Protein backbone atom coordinates (compact mmCIF):
# COMPACT_ATOMS: atom_id res chain seq x y z
CA MET A 1 24.21 32.10 7.05
CA VAL A 2 26.11 35.07 8.52
CA ASN A 3 23.87 37.49 6.60
CA ARG A 4 20.82 35.64 7.88
CA MET A 5 21.98 35.88 11.48
CA ASN A 6 22.72 39.61 11.01
CA LYS A 7 19.15 40.20 9.86
CA ILE A 8 17.81 38.31 12.86
CA ARG A 9 20.07 40.40 15.12
CA LEU A 10 18.85 43.66 13.53
CA ALA A 11 15.21 42.56 13.85
CA PHE A 12 15.87 41.75 17.51
CA LYS A 13 17.40 45.20 18.09
CA LEU A 14 14.44 46.88 16.37
CA THR A 15 12.01 44.92 18.52
CA MET A 16 13.88 45.69 21.73
CA LYS A 17 13.96 49.37 20.77
CA HIS A 18 10.16 49.45 20.91
CA LYS A 19 9.52 47.52 24.11
CA ILE A 20 6.10 49.06 24.69
CA ASN A 21 4.83 47.80 21.32
CA LEU A 22 6.45 44.43 21.99
CA MET A 23 4.63 44.28 25.32
CA ASN A 24 1.33 45.26 23.66
CA ALA A 25 1.71 42.50 21.06
CA ALA A 26 2.64 39.99 23.79
CA ILE A 27 -0.45 40.91 25.82
CA ILE A 28 -2.70 40.49 22.77
CA ASP A 29 -1.10 37.14 21.88
CA THR A 30 -1.45 35.99 25.49
CA LEU A 31 -5.15 36.88 25.41
CA PHE A 32 -5.54 34.91 22.18
CA ILE A 33 -3.79 31.85 23.65
CA LEU A 34 -5.91 31.96 26.82
CA ILE A 35 -9.23 32.48 25.01
CA PHE A 36 -8.33 29.95 22.30
CA GLY A 37 -7.33 27.40 24.94
CA PHE A 38 -10.52 27.89 26.94
CA ILE A 39 -12.86 27.69 23.95
CA SER A 40 -11.10 24.82 22.15
CA SER A 41 -10.78 22.71 25.32
CA ALA A 42 -14.52 23.12 26.02
CA TYR A 43 -15.45 22.05 22.49
CA LEU A 44 -12.87 19.25 22.27
CA TYR A 45 -13.93 17.85 25.64
CA LYS A 46 -17.49 17.49 24.34
CA ILE A 47 -16.28 16.07 21.02
CA GLN A 48 -14.22 13.48 22.90
CA GLU A 49 -17.32 12.50 24.91
CA TYR A 50 -19.25 11.86 21.69
CA LEU A 51 -16.37 9.89 20.14
CA ASP A 52 -16.09 7.76 23.28
CA ALA A 53 -19.83 7.09 23.08
CA ILE A 54 -19.48 6.12 19.41
CA GLY A 55 -16.57 3.84 20.30
CA ALA A 56 -18.58 2.11 23.04
CA ILE A 57 -21.53 1.60 20.67
CA ALA A 58 -19.22 0.39 17.87
CA VAL A 59 -17.80 -2.33 20.10
CA SER A 60 -21.15 -3.59 21.36
CA ALA A 61 -23.53 -2.86 18.48
CA GLN A 62 -24.47 -5.24 15.71
CA GLY A 63 -23.94 -4.36 12.04
CA LEU A 64 -20.79 -2.24 12.41
CA GLY A 65 -18.32 -5.01 11.69
CA SER A 66 -14.85 -5.53 13.12
CA ASP A 67 -13.36 -2.39 11.51
CA PRO A 68 -16.14 0.22 11.11
CA THR A 69 -15.65 2.97 8.53
CA PHE A 70 -16.64 6.61 8.86
CA SER A 71 -19.66 6.09 6.55
CA GLN A 72 -20.84 3.09 8.58
CA ILE A 73 -20.68 5.12 11.77
CA PHE A 74 -22.41 8.09 10.14
CA ILE A 75 -25.39 6.18 8.68
CA ASN A 76 -25.91 3.77 11.56
CA PRO A 77 -28.97 4.97 13.55
CA LEU A 78 -27.23 4.20 16.85
CA THR A 79 -24.26 6.45 16.13
CA ALA A 80 -25.43 8.92 13.45
CA GLY A 81 -26.71 11.44 16.00
CA TYR A 82 -23.40 11.48 17.86
CA MET A 83 -21.49 11.88 14.61
CA PHE A 84 -23.70 14.80 13.54
CA PHE A 85 -22.93 16.65 16.79
CA VAL A 86 -19.20 15.89 16.45
CA ILE A 87 -19.12 17.57 13.03
CA LEU A 88 -21.38 20.43 14.18
CA LEU A 89 -19.16 21.13 17.20
CA ALA A 90 -16.04 21.03 15.04
CA LEU A 91 -17.54 23.61 12.65
CA LEU A 92 -18.71 25.84 15.51
CA LEU A 93 -15.25 25.63 17.02
CA MET A 94 -13.67 26.83 13.78
CA LEU A 95 -16.22 29.68 13.52
CA ASN A 96 -15.30 30.82 17.04
CA ILE A 97 -11.62 30.53 16.22
CA TYR A 98 -12.13 32.64 13.08
CA PHE A 99 -13.45 35.61 15.05
CA ILE A 100 -10.92 35.52 17.89
CA PHE A 101 -8.09 34.80 15.44
CA SER A 102 -9.04 37.62 13.06
CA PHE A 103 -9.41 40.17 15.86
CA LEU A 104 -6.60 39.27 18.28
CA VAL A 105 -3.98 37.74 15.96
CA GLY A 106 -4.82 40.45 13.43
CA ALA A 107 -4.08 43.12 16.05
CA SER A 108 -0.82 41.52 17.22
CA THR A 109 0.27 40.95 13.61
CA TYR A 110 -0.28 44.63 12.82
CA VAL A 111 1.85 45.61 15.83
CA ALA A 112 4.60 43.16 14.80
CA PHE A 113 4.63 44.32 11.17
CA ASN A 114 4.65 47.98 12.26
CA ILE A 115 6.68 47.65 15.45
CA GLY A 116 8.21 51.11 15.05
CA HIS A 117 5.04 53.06 14.38
CA ILE A 118 1.53 52.19 15.59
CA SER A 119 -1.55 54.06 14.39
CA ILE A 120 -5.08 53.33 15.65
CA ASP A 121 -6.55 54.36 12.28
CA GLU A 122 -4.15 52.07 10.40
CA LEU A 123 -4.84 49.27 12.89
CA THR A 124 -8.58 49.56 12.23
CA LYS A 125 -8.01 49.42 8.45
CA PHE A 126 -5.64 46.48 8.85
CA LEU A 127 -8.16 44.53 10.96
CA LYS A 128 -10.88 45.03 8.33
CA ARG A 129 -8.53 43.60 5.68
CA PHE A 130 -7.35 40.87 8.04
CA PHE A 131 -10.91 39.62 8.62
CA ILE A 132 -11.27 39.18 4.85
CA ILE A 133 -7.78 37.73 4.31
CA SER A 134 -8.36 35.20 7.10
CA ILE A 135 -11.50 33.68 5.52
CA PRO A 136 -9.80 31.34 2.99
CA TRP A 137 -7.19 30.32 5.57
CA ILE A 138 -9.85 29.49 8.16
CA LEU A 139 -11.66 27.45 5.49
CA ILE A 140 -8.42 25.60 4.71
CA LEU A 141 -7.78 25.04 8.40
CA SER A 142 -11.40 23.91 8.86
CA LEU A 143 -10.96 21.34 6.09
CA ASN A 144 -7.73 20.22 7.71
CA GLU A 145 -9.56 20.06 11.05
CA LEU A 146 -12.27 17.81 9.59
CA VAL A 147 -9.64 15.51 8.05
CA SER A 148 -7.77 15.47 11.37
CA LEU A 149 -11.06 14.75 13.15
CA TYR A 150 -11.62 11.78 10.85
CA PHE A 151 -8.20 10.33 11.66
CA PHE A 152 -8.67 11.19 15.33
CA PHE A 153 -11.92 9.25 15.10
CA LEU A 154 -10.03 6.29 13.62
CA ASP A 155 -7.38 6.47 16.33
CA THR A 156 -10.18 6.50 18.93
CA ILE A 157 -12.15 3.62 17.42
CA ARG A 158 -9.49 1.31 15.99
CA PRO A 159 -7.74 0.39 19.29
CA ARG A 160 -11.09 -0.96 20.55
CA PHE A 161 -10.80 -3.54 17.77
CA ASN A 162 -7.11 -4.15 18.45
CA LEU A 163 -6.14 -2.25 15.29
CA GLY A 164 -3.13 0.06 15.06
CA ASN A 165 -3.15 3.86 15.04
CA THR A 166 -3.01 5.83 11.78
CA TYR A 167 -0.15 8.15 12.93
CA PHE A 168 -1.75 10.96 10.90
CA GLY A 169 -0.78 13.45 13.61
CA TYR A 170 2.82 13.67 12.40
CA PHE A 171 1.73 14.47 8.85
CA ASP A 172 -0.81 16.97 10.18
CA ILE A 173 1.90 18.88 12.08
CA ALA A 174 4.02 19.14 8.92
CA LEU A 175 0.97 20.27 6.93
CA LEU A 176 0.14 22.97 9.48
CA ILE A 177 3.73 24.26 9.31
CA PHE A 178 3.44 24.70 5.53
CA ILE A 179 -0.02 26.28 5.81
CA GLY A 180 1.38 28.72 8.38
CA TYR A 181 4.20 29.66 6.01
CA PHE A 182 1.90 30.65 3.15
CA MET A 183 -0.56 32.25 5.59
CA MET A 184 2.19 34.50 6.97
CA ILE A 185 3.02 35.64 3.42
CA SER A 186 -0.64 36.42 2.72
CA PHE A 187 -0.75 38.70 5.78
CA LEU A 188 2.15 40.66 4.30
CA LEU A 189 0.74 40.87 0.77
CA GLU A 190 -2.79 42.11 1.64
CA ARG A 191 -3.94 41.84 -2.00
CA LYS A 192 -7.34 41.08 -3.50
CA ASP A 193 -5.97 37.89 -5.12
CA ASN A 194 -4.29 37.17 -1.82
CA LEU A 195 -4.53 33.38 -1.72
CA ARG A 196 -3.13 32.80 -5.20
CA ARG A 197 -0.38 35.38 -4.78
CA SER A 198 0.64 34.05 -1.38
CA PHE A 199 1.22 30.58 -2.85
CA SER A 200 3.03 31.87 -5.95
CA THR A 201 5.20 34.26 -3.89
CA GLY A 202 5.83 31.64 -1.24
CA LEU A 203 7.01 29.12 -3.83
CA LYS A 204 9.12 31.69 -5.70
CA LYS A 205 10.88 32.81 -2.49
CA PHE A 206 10.81 29.40 -0.82
CA LYS A 207 14.59 28.97 -0.53
CA LYS A 208 14.95 32.44 0.95
CA LEU A 209 11.94 32.62 3.27
CA PHE A 210 11.10 29.09 4.38
CA PRO A 211 14.40 28.38 6.24
CA VAL A 212 13.89 31.57 8.27
CA TYR A 213 10.26 30.71 8.95
CA LEU A 214 11.20 27.15 9.94
CA LEU A 215 13.96 28.46 12.22
CA MET A 216 11.41 30.62 14.02
CA VAL A 217 8.98 27.69 14.31
CA VAL A 218 11.69 25.42 15.75
CA LEU A 219 12.80 28.15 18.17
CA ILE A 220 9.28 28.70 19.48
CA PHE A 221 8.70 24.94 19.66
CA LEU A 222 11.85 24.42 21.73
CA LEU A 223 11.10 27.33 24.04
CA SER A 224 7.53 26.12 24.61
CA HIS A 225 8.38 22.40 24.84
CA PRO A 226 6.50 20.66 27.70
CA PHE A 227 9.80 19.39 29.13
CA ILE A 228 10.96 22.97 29.77
CA GLY A 229 7.55 23.95 31.10
CA GLU A 230 7.45 21.01 33.49
CA PHE A 231 10.97 21.75 34.72
CA ILE A 232 10.24 25.43 35.41
CA ALA A 233 6.86 24.57 36.97
CA SER A 234 8.65 22.16 39.32
CA LEU A 235 10.68 25.14 40.56
CA ASN A 236 7.83 27.63 40.81
CA TYR A 237 4.49 27.89 39.02
CA TYR A 238 4.62 31.70 38.91
CA LEU A 239 8.08 31.43 37.39
CA LEU A 240 6.52 29.37 34.59
CA LEU A 241 3.93 32.10 33.95
CA MET A 242 6.67 34.72 33.88
CA TYR A 243 8.73 32.59 31.48
CA ALA A 244 5.75 32.18 29.14
CA VAL A 245 4.78 35.86 29.11
CA VAL A 246 8.30 37.38 29.10
CA ILE A 247 10.17 34.86 26.91
CA VAL A 248 7.90 32.59 24.85
CA VAL A 249 5.01 34.84 23.79
CA PRO A 250 7.23 37.79 22.69
CA CYS A 251 9.00 35.35 20.37
CA PHE A 252 5.82 35.26 18.28
CA THR A 253 6.22 39.00 17.71
CA LEU A 254 9.96 38.71 17.07
CA ALA A 255 9.33 35.91 14.56
CA ARG A 256 6.95 38.13 12.56
CA VAL A 257 9.36 41.07 12.66
CA VAL A 258 12.17 38.82 11.38
CA PHE A 259 9.98 37.27 8.67
CA LYS A 260 8.85 40.68 7.43
CA SER A 261 12.45 41.94 7.26
CA TYR A 262 13.38 38.98 5.06
CA PHE A 263 10.27 39.31 2.94
CA GLU A 264 10.90 42.96 2.10
CA LYS A 265 14.59 42.55 1.18
């Protein structure tokens, strides 16, 4: 534990030594969060509209039964069109996320992994590799998104029939944490057989790497918790923006610096 804290302290010192690069990474991550938030909220708002329409039809329409399944909703002529657009929008959302993720998160990841020395030529090469490395992870996340959408659909429809929620969201959060762990390793490996090696390396070094990764996730979660945000916003909205940009977002960079230091030793 002491050794672990020493490594975190050294990573923090290294990051603070290169404040300009830390600021650059924070700016890129902030751009990603803003663009991601804008795009995803636009798509999800429309998806929610279609799901609400499906729910209203499901309650009033004949032939859907008291607990309609996904297949019943999909093949029913009254709701099939809405369901088609829900799936289409979800896939378009993931395609948009792939491009902004690969470009912006790829750039900030390069800065974090090379916090002491930044090269434009190396950044360009890294981004080209990152676009390729990201493909299987975006596909995995897209599959997870479709599964989540299905359970979100159930949680939207079932209460209209006085049925309980599925509570899939809790499992989904845990799943995303594990996906993020192996994804982070793949960004460090940068190999042709990246996906397979990231899982094998991640499992082999699980006891060493996962606690550090989880510590970083918990730290960022606590710092970005809505309770803290609401409290700071109640004091001053601009103070909240400053807190997010100066404290929370740089932690993403620090987390990657720490994880890389553990991975390489």
